[in-house]
Full PDB file with SEQRES, HELIX, SHEET, SSBOND, CRYST1, ORIGX, SCALE, CONECT and MASTER records, all heavy atoms in Angstrom:
SEQRES   1 A   33  ASP VAL ALA ALA SER GLU GLY GLU GLU ILE LEU PRO ASP          
SEQRES   2 A   33  SER PHE PRO ILE GLY GLU ARG GLU LEU ARG ALA ALA LEU          
SEQRES   3 A   33  LYS LYS GLN GLY THR GLU LEU                                  
HELIX    1 AA1 VAL A    2  SER A    5  1                                   4    
HELIX    2 AA2 GLU A   19  GLN A   29  1                                  11    
CRYST1    1.000    1.000    1.000  90.00  90.00  90.00 P 1           1          
ORIGX1      1.000000  0.000000  0.000000        0.00000                         
ORIGX2      0.000000  1.000000  0.000000        0.00000                         
ORIGX3      0.000000  0.000000  1.000000        0.00000                         
SCALE1      1.000000  0.000000  0.000000        0.00000                         
SCALE2      0.000000  1.000000  0.000000        0.00000                         
SCALE3      0.000000  0.000000  1.000000        0.00000                         
ATOM      1  N   ASP A   1     -12.806 -69.030  18.490  1.00  0.00           N  
ATOM      2  CA  ASP A   1     -12.326 -68.835  17.121  1.00  0.00           C  
ATOM      3  C   ASP A   1     -12.138 -67.340  16.860  1.00  0.00           C  
ATOM      4  O   ASP A   1     -12.994 -66.667  16.286  1.00  0.00           O  
ATOM      5  CB  ASP A   1     -13.308 -69.448  16.125  1.00  0.00           C  
ATOM      6  CG  ASP A   1     -12.712 -69.600  14.734  1.00  0.00           C  
ATOM      7  OD1 ASP A   1     -11.698 -68.930  14.455  1.00  0.00           O  
ATOM      8  OD2 ASP A   1     -13.266 -70.372  13.924  1.00  0.00           O  
ATOM      9  N   VAL A   2     -10.978 -66.838  17.274  1.00  0.00           N  
ATOM     10  CA  VAL A   2     -10.689 -65.408  17.131  1.00  0.00           C  
ATOM     11  C   VAL A   2     -10.505 -65.048  15.662  1.00  0.00           C  
ATOM     12  O   VAL A   2     -10.918 -63.977  15.219  1.00  0.00           O  
ATOM     13  CB  VAL A   2      -9.462 -65.019  17.968  1.00  0.00           C  
ATOM     14  CG1 VAL A   2      -9.142 -63.534  17.796  1.00  0.00           C  
ATOM     15  CG2 VAL A   2      -9.679 -65.342  19.436  1.00  0.00           C  
ATOM     16  N   ALA A   3      -9.913 -65.943  14.887  1.00  0.00           N  
ATOM     17  CA  ALA A   3      -9.713 -65.658  13.462  1.00  0.00           C  
ATOM     18  C   ALA A   3     -11.049 -65.407  12.772  1.00  0.00           C  
ATOM     19  O   ALA A   3     -11.217 -64.418  12.046  1.00  0.00           O  
ATOM     20  CB  ALA A   3      -8.970 -66.815  12.797  1.00  0.00           C  
ATOM     21  N   ALA A   4     -12.019 -66.287  12.995  1.00  0.00           N  
ATOM     22  CA  ALA A   4     -13.334 -66.125  12.375  1.00  0.00           C  
ATOM     23  C   ALA A   4     -14.014 -64.859  12.867  1.00  0.00           C  
ATOM     24  O   ALA A   4     -14.654 -64.130  12.097  1.00  0.00           O  
ATOM     25  CB  ALA A   4     -14.201 -67.344  12.665  1.00  0.00           C  
ATOM     26  N   SER A   5     -13.885 -64.593  14.159  1.00  0.00           N  
ATOM     27  CA  SER A   5     -14.512 -63.405  14.728  1.00  0.00           C  
ATOM     28  C   SER A   5     -13.973 -62.130  14.102  1.00  0.00           C  
ATOM     29  O   SER A   5     -14.709 -61.154  13.903  1.00  0.00           O  
ATOM     30  CB  SER A   5     -14.276 -63.372  16.245  1.00  0.00           C  
ATOM     31  OG  SER A   5     -14.761 -62.187  16.823  1.00  0.00           O  
ATOM     32  N   GLU A   6     -12.683 -62.146  13.767  1.00  0.00           N  
ATOM     33  CA  GLU A   6     -12.047 -60.974  13.167  1.00  0.00           C  
ATOM     34  C   GLU A   6     -12.206 -60.946  11.655  1.00  0.00           C  
ATOM     35  O   GLU A   6     -11.701 -60.042  10.985  1.00  0.00           O  
ATOM     36  CB  GLU A   6     -10.566 -60.944  13.533  1.00  0.00           C  
ATOM     37  CG  GLU A   6     -10.280 -60.793  15.018  1.00  0.00           C  
ATOM     38  CD  GLU A   6     -10.669 -59.429  15.561  1.00  0.00           C  
ATOM     39  OE1 GLU A   6     -10.520 -58.444  14.808  1.00  0.00           O  
ATOM     40  OE2 GLU A   6     -11.110 -59.343  16.724  1.00  0.00           O  
ATOM     41  N   GLY A   7     -12.908 -61.947  11.100  1.00  0.00           N  
ATOM     42  CA  GLY A   7     -13.120 -61.992   9.659  1.00  0.00           C  
ATOM     43  C   GLY A   7     -11.880 -62.379   8.875  1.00  0.00           C  
ATOM     44  O   GLY A   7     -11.739 -61.999   7.709  1.00  0.00           O  
ATOM     45  N   GLU A   8     -10.989 -63.149   9.501  1.00  0.00           N  
ATOM     46  CA  GLU A   8      -9.731 -63.525   8.870  1.00  0.00           C  
ATOM     47  C   GLU A   8      -9.623 -65.048   8.759  1.00  0.00           C  
ATOM     48  O   GLU A   8     -10.069 -65.772   9.653  1.00  0.00           O  
ATOM     49  CB  GLU A   8      -8.538 -63.018   9.695  1.00  0.00           C  
ATOM     50  CG  GLU A   8      -8.502 -61.526   9.909  1.00  0.00           C  
ATOM     51  CD  GLU A   8      -7.928 -60.774   8.712  1.00  0.00           C  
ATOM     52  OE1 GLU A   8      -7.529 -61.434   7.721  1.00  0.00           O  
ATOM     53  OE2 GLU A   8      -7.872 -59.533   8.780  1.00  0.00           O  
ATOM     54  N   GLU A   9      -9.017 -65.533   7.680  1.00  0.00           N  
ATOM     55  CA  GLU A   9      -8.672 -66.948   7.626  1.00  0.00           C  
ATOM     56  C   GLU A   9      -7.525 -67.236   8.582  1.00  0.00           C  
ATOM     57  O   GLU A   9      -7.502 -68.268   9.268  1.00  0.00           O  
ATOM     58  CB  GLU A   9      -8.294 -67.363   6.202  1.00  0.00           C  
ATOM     59  CG  GLU A   9      -9.466 -67.424   5.242  1.00  0.00           C  
ATOM     60  CD  GLU A   9      -9.086 -68.099   3.940  1.00  0.00           C  
ATOM     61  OE1 GLU A   9      -7.883 -68.452   3.759  1.00  0.00           O  
ATOM     62  OE2 GLU A   9      -9.981 -68.296   3.104  1.00  0.00           O  
ATOM     63  N   ILE A  10      -6.556 -66.331   8.598  1.00  0.00           N  
ATOM     64  CA  ILE A  10      -5.413 -66.415   9.496  1.00  0.00           C  
ATOM     65  C   ILE A  10      -5.173 -65.028  10.059  1.00  0.00           C  
ATOM     66  O   ILE A  10      -5.115 -64.043   9.308  1.00  0.00           O  
ATOM     67  CB  ILE A  10      -4.144 -66.880   8.746  1.00  0.00           C  
ATOM     68  CG1 ILE A  10      -4.388 -68.217   8.040  1.00  0.00           C  
ATOM     69  CG2 ILE A  10      -2.973 -67.001   9.705  1.00  0.00           C  
ATOM     70  CD1 ILE A  10      -3.253 -68.617   7.109  1.00  0.00           C  
ATOM     71  N   LEU A  11      -5.042 -64.910  11.360  1.00  0.00           N  
ATOM     72  CA  LEU A  11      -4.793 -63.600  11.955  1.00  0.00           C  
ATOM     73  C   LEU A  11      -3.439 -63.064  11.480  1.00  0.00           C  
ATOM     74  O   LEU A  11      -2.488 -63.824  11.275  1.00  0.00           O  
ATOM     75  CB  LEU A  11      -4.799 -63.696  13.475  1.00  0.00           C  
ATOM     76  CG  LEU A  11      -6.152 -63.989  14.123  1.00  0.00           C  
ATOM     77  CD1 LEU A  11      -5.981 -64.164  15.634  1.00  0.00           C  
ATOM     78  CD2 LEU A  11      -7.157 -62.885  13.833  1.00  0.00           C  
ATOM     79  N   PRO A  12      -3.318 -61.758  11.317  1.00  0.00           N  
ATOM     80  CA  PRO A  12      -2.046 -61.167  10.866  1.00  0.00           C  
ATOM     81  C   PRO A  12      -0.907 -61.456  11.839  1.00  0.00           C  
ATOM     82  O   PRO A  12      -1.131 -61.725  13.031  1.00  0.00           O  
ATOM     83  CB  PRO A  12      -2.361 -59.664  10.817  1.00  0.00           C  
ATOM     84  CG  PRO A  12      -3.844 -59.576  10.729  1.00  0.00           C  
ATOM     85  CD  PRO A  12      -4.383 -60.751  11.483  1.00  0.00           C  
ATOM     86  N   ASP A  13       0.312 -61.398  11.342  1.00  0.00           N  
ATOM     87  CA  ASP A  13       1.483 -61.587  12.192  1.00  0.00           C  
ATOM     88  C   ASP A  13       1.417 -60.664  13.401  1.00  0.00           C  
ATOM     89  O   ASP A  13       1.071 -59.473  13.298  1.00  0.00           O  
ATOM     90  CB  ASP A  13       2.766 -61.291  11.411  1.00  0.00           C  
ATOM     91  CG  ASP A  13       3.095 -62.370  10.385  1.00  0.00           C  
ATOM     92  OD1 ASP A  13       2.336 -63.353  10.295  1.00  0.00           O  
ATOM     93  OD2 ASP A  13       4.112 -62.214   9.681  1.00  0.00           O  
ATOM     94  N   SER A  14       1.735 -61.211  14.560  1.00  0.00           N  
ATOM     95  CA  SER A  14       1.819 -60.477  15.830  1.00  0.00           C  
ATOM     96  C   SER A  14       0.494 -59.859  16.274  1.00  0.00           C  
ATOM     97  O   SER A  14       0.476 -58.960  17.125  1.00  0.00           O  
ATOM     98  CB  SER A  14       2.901 -59.382  15.779  1.00  0.00           C  
ATOM     99  OG  SER A  14       4.173 -59.954  15.582  1.00  0.00           O  
ATOM    100  N   PHE A  15      -0.609 -60.341  15.742  1.00  0.00           N  
ATOM    101  CA  PHE A  15      -1.917 -59.818  16.141  1.00  0.00           C  
ATOM    102  C   PHE A  15      -2.156 -60.119  17.623  1.00  0.00           C  
ATOM    103  O   PHE A  15      -2.038 -61.266  18.054  1.00  0.00           O  
ATOM    104  CB  PHE A  15      -3.015 -60.466  15.300  1.00  0.00           C  
ATOM    105  CG  PHE A  15      -4.407 -59.956  15.597  1.00  0.00           C  
ATOM    106  CD1 PHE A  15      -4.920 -58.866  14.920  1.00  0.00           C  
ATOM    107  CD2 PHE A  15      -5.202 -60.566  16.563  1.00  0.00           C  
ATOM    108  CE1 PHE A  15      -6.204 -58.395  15.185  1.00  0.00           C  
ATOM    109  CE2 PHE A  15      -6.474 -60.110  16.848  1.00  0.00           C  
ATOM    110  CZ  PHE A  15      -6.978 -59.015  16.154  1.00  0.00           C  
ATOM    111  N   PRO A  16      -2.501 -59.094  18.426  1.00  0.00           N  
ATOM    112  CA  PRO A  16      -2.693 -59.319  19.865  1.00  0.00           C  
ATOM    113  C   PRO A  16      -4.114 -59.809  20.179  1.00  0.00           C  
ATOM    114  O   PRO A  16      -5.095 -59.230  19.726  1.00  0.00           O  
ATOM    115  CB  PRO A  16      -2.457 -57.929  20.464  1.00  0.00           C  
ATOM    116  CG  PRO A  16      -2.886 -56.985  19.375  1.00  0.00           C  
ATOM    117  CD  PRO A  16      -2.574 -57.668  18.063  1.00  0.00           C  
ATOM    118  N   ILE A  17      -4.200 -60.875  20.966  1.00  0.00           N  
ATOM    119  CA  ILE A  17      -5.496 -61.402  21.388  1.00  0.00           C  
ATOM    120  C   ILE A  17      -5.660 -61.100  22.873  1.00  0.00           C  
ATOM    121  O   ILE A  17      -5.093 -61.770  23.743  1.00  0.00           O  
ATOM    122  CB  ILE A  17      -5.602 -62.917  21.137  1.00  0.00           C  
ATOM    123  CG1 ILE A  17      -5.405 -63.214  19.647  1.00  0.00           C  
ATOM    124  CG2 ILE A  17      -6.938 -63.453  21.625  1.00  0.00           C  
ATOM    125  CD1 ILE A  17      -5.360 -64.689  19.314  1.00  0.00           C  
ATOM    126  N   GLY A  18      -6.408 -60.060  23.146  1.00  0.00           N  
ATOM    127  CA  GLY A  18      -6.657 -59.649  24.518  1.00  0.00           C  
ATOM    128  C   GLY A  18      -8.085 -59.942  24.934  1.00  0.00           C  
ATOM    129  O   GLY A  18      -8.840 -60.627  24.231  1.00  0.00           O  
ATOM    130  N   GLU A  19      -8.473 -59.402  26.069  1.00  0.00           N  
ATOM    131  CA  GLU A  19      -9.828 -59.639  26.581  1.00  0.00           C  
ATOM    132  C   GLU A  19     -10.886 -59.176  25.592  1.00  0.00           C  
ATOM    133  O   GLU A  19     -11.901 -59.865  25.382  1.00  0.00           O  
ATOM    134  CB  GLU A  19     -10.010 -58.923  27.917  1.00  0.00           C  
ATOM    135  CG  GLU A  19     -11.406 -59.112  28.505  1.00  0.00           C  
ATOM    136  CD  GLU A  19     -11.577 -58.483  29.872  1.00  0.00           C  
ATOM    137  OE1 GLU A  19     -10.567 -58.030  30.466  1.00  0.00           O  
ATOM    138  OE2 GLU A  19     -12.733 -58.430  30.356  1.00  0.00           O  
ATOM    139  N   ARG A  20     -10.673 -58.040  24.960  1.00  0.00           N  
ATOM    140  CA  ARG A  20     -11.668 -57.518  24.028  1.00  0.00           C  
ATOM    141  C   ARG A  20     -11.917 -58.493  22.888  1.00  0.00           C  
ATOM    142  O   ARG A  20     -13.067 -58.781  22.532  1.00  0.00           O  
ATOM    143  CB  ARG A  20     -11.210 -56.170  23.460  1.00  0.00           C  
ATOM    144  CG  ARG A  20     -12.236 -55.513  22.528  1.00  0.00           C  
ATOM    145  CD  ARG A  20     -11.666 -54.262  21.870  1.00  0.00           C  
ATOM    146  NE  ARG A  20     -10.610 -54.568  20.938  1.00  0.00           N  
ATOM    147  CZ  ARG A  20     -10.828 -54.986  19.681  1.00  0.00           C  
ATOM    148  NH1 ARG A  20     -12.072 -55.138  19.239  1.00  0.00           N  
ATOM    149  NH2 ARG A  20      -9.811 -55.242  18.881  1.00  0.00           N  
ATOM    150  N   GLU A  21     -10.855 -59.012  22.301  1.00  0.00           N  
ATOM    151  CA  GLU A  21     -10.992 -59.943  21.181  1.00  0.00           C  
ATOM    152  C   GLU A  21     -11.632 -61.250  21.618  1.00  0.00           C  
ATOM    153  O   GLU A  21     -12.455 -61.836  20.891  1.00  0.00           O  
ATOM    154  CB  GLU A  21      -9.611 -60.215  20.559  1.00  0.00           C  
ATOM    155  CG  GLU A  21      -9.020 -59.059  19.795  1.00  0.00           C  
ATOM    156  CD  GLU A  21      -8.447 -57.962  20.688  1.00  0.00           C  
ATOM    157  OE1 GLU A  21      -8.148 -58.242  21.878  1.00  0.00           O  
ATOM    158  OE2 GLU A  21      -8.306 -56.811  20.211  1.00  0.00           O  
ATOM    159  N   LEU A  22     -11.293 -61.718  22.804  1.00  0.00           N  
ATOM    160  CA  LEU A  22     -11.871 -62.955  23.307  1.00  0.00           C  
ATOM    161  C   LEU A  22     -13.358 -62.797  23.593  1.00  0.00           C  
ATOM    162  O   LEU A  22     -14.175 -63.666  23.240  1.00  0.00           O  
ATOM    163  CB  LEU A  22     -11.122 -63.409  24.567  1.00  0.00           C  
ATOM    164  CG  LEU A  22      -9.661 -63.817  24.362  1.00  0.00           C  
ATOM    165  CD1 LEU A  22      -8.965 -63.978  25.706  1.00  0.00           C  
ATOM    166  CD2 LEU A  22      -9.561 -65.103  23.554  1.00  0.00           C  
ATOM    167  N   ARG A  23     -13.713 -61.702  24.222  1.00  0.00           N  
ATOM    168  CA  ARG A  23     -15.142 -61.457  24.516  1.00  0.00           C  
ATOM    169  C   ARG A  23     -15.949 -61.349  23.231  1.00  0.00           C  
ATOM    170  O   ARG A  23     -17.067 -61.876  23.138  1.00  0.00           O  
ATOM    171  CB  ARG A  23     -15.295 -60.184  25.352  1.00  0.00           C  
ATOM    172  CG  ARG A  23     -14.937 -60.343  26.813  1.00  0.00           C  
ATOM    173  CD  ARG A  23     -15.291 -59.091  27.601  1.00  0.00           C  
ATOM    174  NE  ARG A  23     -15.008 -59.208  29.013  1.00  0.00           N  
ATOM    175  CZ  ARG A  23     -15.835 -59.729  29.919  1.00  0.00           C  
ATOM    176  NH1 ARG A  23     -17.011 -60.211  29.522  1.00  0.00           N  
ATOM    177  NH2 ARG A  23     -15.496 -59.781  31.184  1.00  0.00           N  
ATOM    178  N   ALA A  24     -15.391 -60.658  22.231  1.00  0.00           N  
ATOM    179  CA  ALA A  24     -16.111 -60.491  20.968  1.00  0.00           C  
ATOM    180  C   ALA A  24     -16.342 -61.836  20.288  1.00  0.00           C  
ATOM    181  O   ALA A  24     -17.428 -62.114  19.767  1.00  0.00           O  
ATOM    182  CB  ALA A  24     -15.320 -59.555  20.047  1.00  0.00           C  
ATOM    183  N   ALA A  25     -15.314 -62.697  20.299  1.00  0.00           N  
ATOM    184  CA  ALA A  25     -15.447 -64.010  19.670  1.00  0.00           C  
ATOM    185  C   ALA A  25     -16.450 -64.877  20.423  1.00  0.00           C  
ATOM    186  O   ALA A  25     -17.283 -65.562  19.816  1.00  0.00           O  
ATOM    187  CB  ALA A  25     -14.086 -64.697  19.615  1.00  0.00           C  
ATOM    188  N   LEU A  26     -16.393 -64.862  21.742  1.00  0.00           N  
ATOM    189  CA  LEU A  26     -17.347 -65.643  22.546  1.00  0.00           C  
ATOM    190  C   LEU A  26     -18.775 -65.193  22.281  1.00  0.00           C  
ATOM    191  O   LEU A  26     -19.699 -66.022  22.171  1.00  0.00           O  
ATOM    192  CB  LEU A  26     -17.012 -65.513  24.031  1.00  0.00           C  
ATOM    193  CG  LEU A  26     -15.772 -66.270  24.506  1.00  0.00           C  
ATOM    194  CD1 LEU A  26     -15.352 -65.791  25.886  1.00  0.00           C  
ATOM    195  CD2 LEU A  26     -16.025 -67.781  24.523  1.00  0.00           C  
ATOM    196  N   LYS A  27     -18.982 -63.885  22.165  1.00  0.00           N  
ATOM    197  CA  LYS A  27     -20.318 -63.359  21.901  1.00  0.00           C  
ATOM    198  C   LYS A  27     -20.828 -63.798  20.538  1.00  0.00           C  
ATOM    199  O   LYS A  27     -21.977 -64.240  20.395  1.00  0.00           O  
ATOM    200  CB  LYS A  27     -20.302 -61.830  21.990  1.00  0.00           C  
ATOM    201  CG  LYS A  27     -21.686 -61.198  21.833  1.00  0.00           C  
ATOM    202  CD  LYS A  27     -21.612 -59.684  22.014  1.00  0.00           C  
ATOM    203  CE  LYS A  27     -23.001 -59.049  21.866  1.00  0.00           C  
ATOM    204  NZ  LYS A  27     -22.939 -57.573  22.050  1.00  0.00           N  
ATOM    205  N   LYS A  28     -19.974 -63.730  19.514  1.00  0.00           N  
ATOM    206  CA  LYS A  28     -20.380 -64.147  18.173  1.00  0.00           C  
ATOM    207  C   LYS A  28     -20.714 -65.624  18.118  1.00  0.00           C  
ATOM    208  O   LYS A  28     -21.599 -66.062  17.395  1.00  0.00           O  
ATOM    209  CB  LYS A  28     -19.293 -63.804  17.163  1.00  0.00           C  
ATOM    210  CG  LYS A  28     -19.186 -62.324  16.853  1.00  0.00           C  
ATOM    211  CD  LYS A  28     -18.141 -62.040  15.780  1.00  0.00           C  
ATOM    212  CE  LYS A  28     -18.068 -60.553  15.474  1.00  0.00           C  
ATOM    213  NZ  LYS A  28     -17.064 -60.238  14.418  1.00  0.00           N  
ATOM    214  N   GLN A  29     -19.971 -66.414  18.873  1.00  0.00           N  
ATOM    215  CA  GLN A  29     -20.195 -67.862  18.906  1.00  0.00           C  
ATOM    216  C   GLN A  29     -21.394 -68.256  19.758  1.00  0.00           C  
ATOM    217  O   GLN A  29     -21.913 -69.368  19.626  1.00  0.00           O  
ATOM    218  CB  GLN A  29     -18.962 -68.568  19.493  1.00  0.00           C  
ATOM    219  CG  GLN A  29     -17.721 -68.440  18.681  1.00  0.00           C  
ATOM    220  CD  GLN A  29     -16.503 -69.053  19.373  1.00  0.00           C  
ATOM    221  OE1 GLN A  29     -15.397 -68.858  18.936  1.00  0.00           O  
ATOM    222  NE2 GLN A  29     -16.705 -69.798  20.459  1.00  0.00           N  
ATOM    223  N   GLY A  30     -21.771 -67.373  20.679  1.00  0.00           N  
ATOM    224  CA  GLY A  30     -22.807 -67.729  21.639  1.00  0.00           C  
ATOM    225  C   GLY A  30     -22.308 -68.708  22.683  1.00  0.00           C  
ATOM    226  O   GLY A  30     -23.051 -69.567  23.163  1.00  0.00           O  
ATOM    227  N   THR A  31     -21.025 -68.565  23.053  1.00  0.00           N  
ATOM    228  CA  THR A  31     -20.392 -69.497  23.991  1.00  0.00           C  
ATOM    229  C   THR A  31     -20.089 -68.794  25.313  1.00  0.00           C  
ATOM    230  O   THR A  31     -19.631 -67.649  25.318  1.00  0.00           O  
ATOM    231  CB  THR A  31     -19.059 -70.023  23.408  1.00  0.00           C  
ATOM    232  OG1 THR A  31     -19.285 -70.548  22.097  1.00  0.00           O  
ATOM    233  CG2 THR A  31     -18.473 -71.118  24.287  1.00  0.00           C  
ATOM    234  N   GLU A  32     -20.324 -69.494  26.415  1.00  0.00           N  
ATOM    235  CA  GLU A  32     -19.976 -68.971  27.742  1.00  0.00           C  
ATOM    236  C   GLU A  32     -18.876 -69.821  28.350  1.00  0.00           C  
ATOM    237  O   GLU A  32     -18.865 -71.048  28.192  1.00  0.00           O  
ATOM    238  CB  GLU A  32     -21.190 -68.958  28.666  1.00  0.00           C  
ATOM    239  CG  GLU A  32     -22.221 -67.890  28.340  1.00  0.00           C  
ATOM    240  CD  GLU A  32     -23.271 -67.774  29.443  1.00  0.00           C  
ATOM    241  OE1 GLU A  32     -23.554 -68.793  30.099  1.00  0.00           O  
ATOM    242  OE2 GLU A  32     -23.782 -66.672  29.645  1.00  0.00           O  
ATOM    243  N   LEU A  33     -17.970 -69.173  29.047  1.00  0.00           N  
ATOM    244  CA  LEU A  33     -16.928 -69.891  29.756  1.00  0.00           C  
ATOM    245  C   LEU A  33     -17.462 -70.425  31.072  1.00  0.00           C  
ATOM    246  O   LEU A  33     -18.329 -69.818  31.692  1.00  0.00           O  
ATOM    247  CB  LEU A  33     -15.741 -68.970  30.033  1.00  0.00           C  
ATOM    248  CG  LEU A  33     -15.010 -68.404  28.810  1.00  0.00           C  
ATOM    249  CD1 LEU A  33     -13.899 -67.463  29.258  1.00  0.00           C  
ATOM    250  CD2 LEU A  33     -14.451 -69.515  27.942  1.00  0.00           C  
TER     251      LEU A  33                                                      
MASTER        0    0    0    2    0    0    0    6  250    1    0    3          
END                                                                             
């Protein structure tokens, strides 16, 4: 849930989801791949 991790209901237009954003969301969720 990248939107929740970024504190957004909906991510802004053209917002890039890279490794940094994915890792941050996984850490906040406590989820491992």
